[in-house]
Amino acid sequence: MPAVRVTLCPACRCERITRLVGTATVKGRPQDLVQCPAGACELVWAVRPDHTPRRAAA
């Protein structure tokens, strides 16, 4: 289980290197809880453990 991961912050709306802060189970499925590192945001949200962010097409 990686301690950091790159994902899209729903509040900042940009890709961030987020920090894994915990795990949870939602509707019987495991989820990773990640936190945005931006000082003004610090949002914590759930993502699938196998989640990989989509890259914008050039």
C-alpha atoms as a PDB file:
ATOM      1  CA  MET A   1       0.000   0.000   0.000  1.00  0.00           C
ATOM      2  CA  PRO A   2       1.724   3.209  -1.147  1.00  0.00           C
ATOM      3  CA  ALA A   3       1.914   6.109   1.294  1.00  0.00           C
ATOM      4  CA  VAL A   4       1.455   8.683  -1.484  1.00  0.00           C
ATOM      5  CA  ARG A   5      -0.352   8.686  -4.804  1.00  0.00           C
ATOM      6  CA  VAL A   6      -1.156  11.119  -7.589  1.00  0.00           C
ATOM      7  CA  THR A   7      -4.857  11.789  -7.959  1.00  0.00           C
ATOM      8  CA  LEU A   8      -7.262  14.568  -8.899  1.00  0.00           C
ATOM      9  CA  CYS A   9      -8.406  16.633  -5.906  1.00  0.00           C
ATOM     10  CA  PRO A  10     -12.170  17.228  -6.258  1.00  0.00           C
ATOM     11  CA  ALA A  11     -11.932  20.564  -4.396  1.00  0.00           C
ATOM     12  CA  CYS A  12      -8.802  22.023  -6.060  1.00  0.00           C
ATOM     13  CA  ARG A  13      -9.615  20.405  -9.428  1.00  0.00           C
ATOM     14  CA  CYS A  14      -5.982  19.678 -10.196  1.00  0.00           C
ATOM     15  CA  GLU A  15      -3.677  16.688  -9.866  1.00  0.00           C
ATOM     16  CA  ARG A  16      -1.944  16.518  -6.510  1.00  0.00           C
ATOM     17  CA  ILE A  17       0.470  14.123  -4.859  1.00  0.00           C
ATOM     18  CA  THR A  18      -1.879  13.054  -2.086  1.00  0.00           C
ATOM     19  CA  ARG A  19      -1.048  11.312   1.184  1.00  0.00           C
ATOM     20  CA  LEU A  20      -2.733   8.087   2.258  1.00  0.00           C
ATOM     21  CA  VAL A  21      -4.304   8.717   5.678  1.00  0.00           C
ATOM     22  CA  GLY A  22      -6.398   5.577   6.166  1.00  0.00           C
ATOM     23  CA  THR A  23      -8.719   2.973   4.737  1.00  0.00           C
ATOM     24  CA  ALA A  24     -12.460   2.460   4.858  1.00  0.00           C
ATOM     25  CA  THR A  25     -15.154   0.131   3.547  1.00  0.00           C
ATOM     26  CA  VAL A  26     -17.971   1.658   1.498  1.00  0.00           C
ATOM     27  CA  LYS A  27     -20.815  -0.622   0.378  1.00  0.00           C
ATOM     28  CA  GLY A  28     -18.633  -3.646   1.093  1.00  0.00           C
ATOM     29  CA  ARG A  29     -15.718  -2.441  -1.050  1.00  0.00           C
ATOM     30  CA  PRO A  30     -12.346  -1.270   0.313  1.00  0.00           C
ATOM     31  CA  GLN A  31     -11.449   2.387  -0.212  1.00  0.00           C
ATOM     32  CA  ASP A  32      -8.275   4.387   0.456  1.00  0.00           C
ATOM     33  CA  LEU A  33      -8.652   7.707   2.255  1.00  0.00           C
ATOM     34  CA  VAL A  34      -6.321  10.330   0.792  1.00  0.00           C
ATOM     35  CA  GLN A  35      -5.621  13.928   1.805  1.00  0.00           C
ATOM     36  CA  CYS A  36      -4.812  16.932  -0.390  1.00  0.00           C
ATOM     37  CA  PRO A  37      -1.475  18.526   0.594  1.00  0.00           C
ATOM     38  CA  ALA A  38      -2.557  22.091  -0.275  1.00  0.00           C
ATOM     39  CA  GLY A  39      -2.644  24.131   2.934  1.00  0.00           C
ATOM     40  CA  ALA A  40      -5.855  25.918   1.976  1.00  0.00           C
ATOM     41  CA  CYS A  41      -7.633  22.668   1.026  1.00  0.00           C
ATOM     42  CA  GLU A  42      -6.558  19.603   3.082  1.00  0.00           C
ATOM     43  CA  LEU A  43      -9.642  17.724   1.840  1.00  0.00           C
ATOM     44  CA  VAL A  44      -9.843  14.020   2.745  1.00  0.00           C
ATOM     45  CA  TRP A  45     -11.763  11.789   0.333  1.00  0.00           C
ATOM     46  CA  ALA A  46     -12.116   8.132  -0.623  1.00  0.00           C
ATOM     47  CA  VAL A  47     -10.719   6.519  -3.779  1.00  0.00           C
ATOM     48  CA  ARG A  48     -10.569   2.926  -4.947  1.00  0.00           C
ATOM     49  CA  PRO A  49      -7.267   1.209  -4.118  1.00  0.00           C
ATOM     50  CA  ASP A  50      -6.779   0.358  -7.809  1.00  0.00           C
ATOM     51  CA  HIS A  51      -7.649   3.901  -8.976  1.00  0.00           C
ATOM     52  CA  THR A  52      -5.346   5.523 -11.512  1.00  0.00           C
ATOM     53  CA  PRO A  53      -6.102   9.099 -12.583  1.00  0.00           C
ATOM     54  CA  ARG A  54      -7.034   9.758 -16.193  1.00  0.00           C
ATOM     55  CA  ARG A  55      -4.607  11.939 -18.097  1.00  0.00           C
ATOM     56  CA  ALA A  56      -6.027  14.703 -20.254  1.00  0.00           C
ATOM     57  CA  ALA A  57      -5.616  14.057 -23.953  1.00  0.00           C
ATOM     58  CA  ALA A  58      -3.249  16.477 -25.677  1.00  0.00           C
END
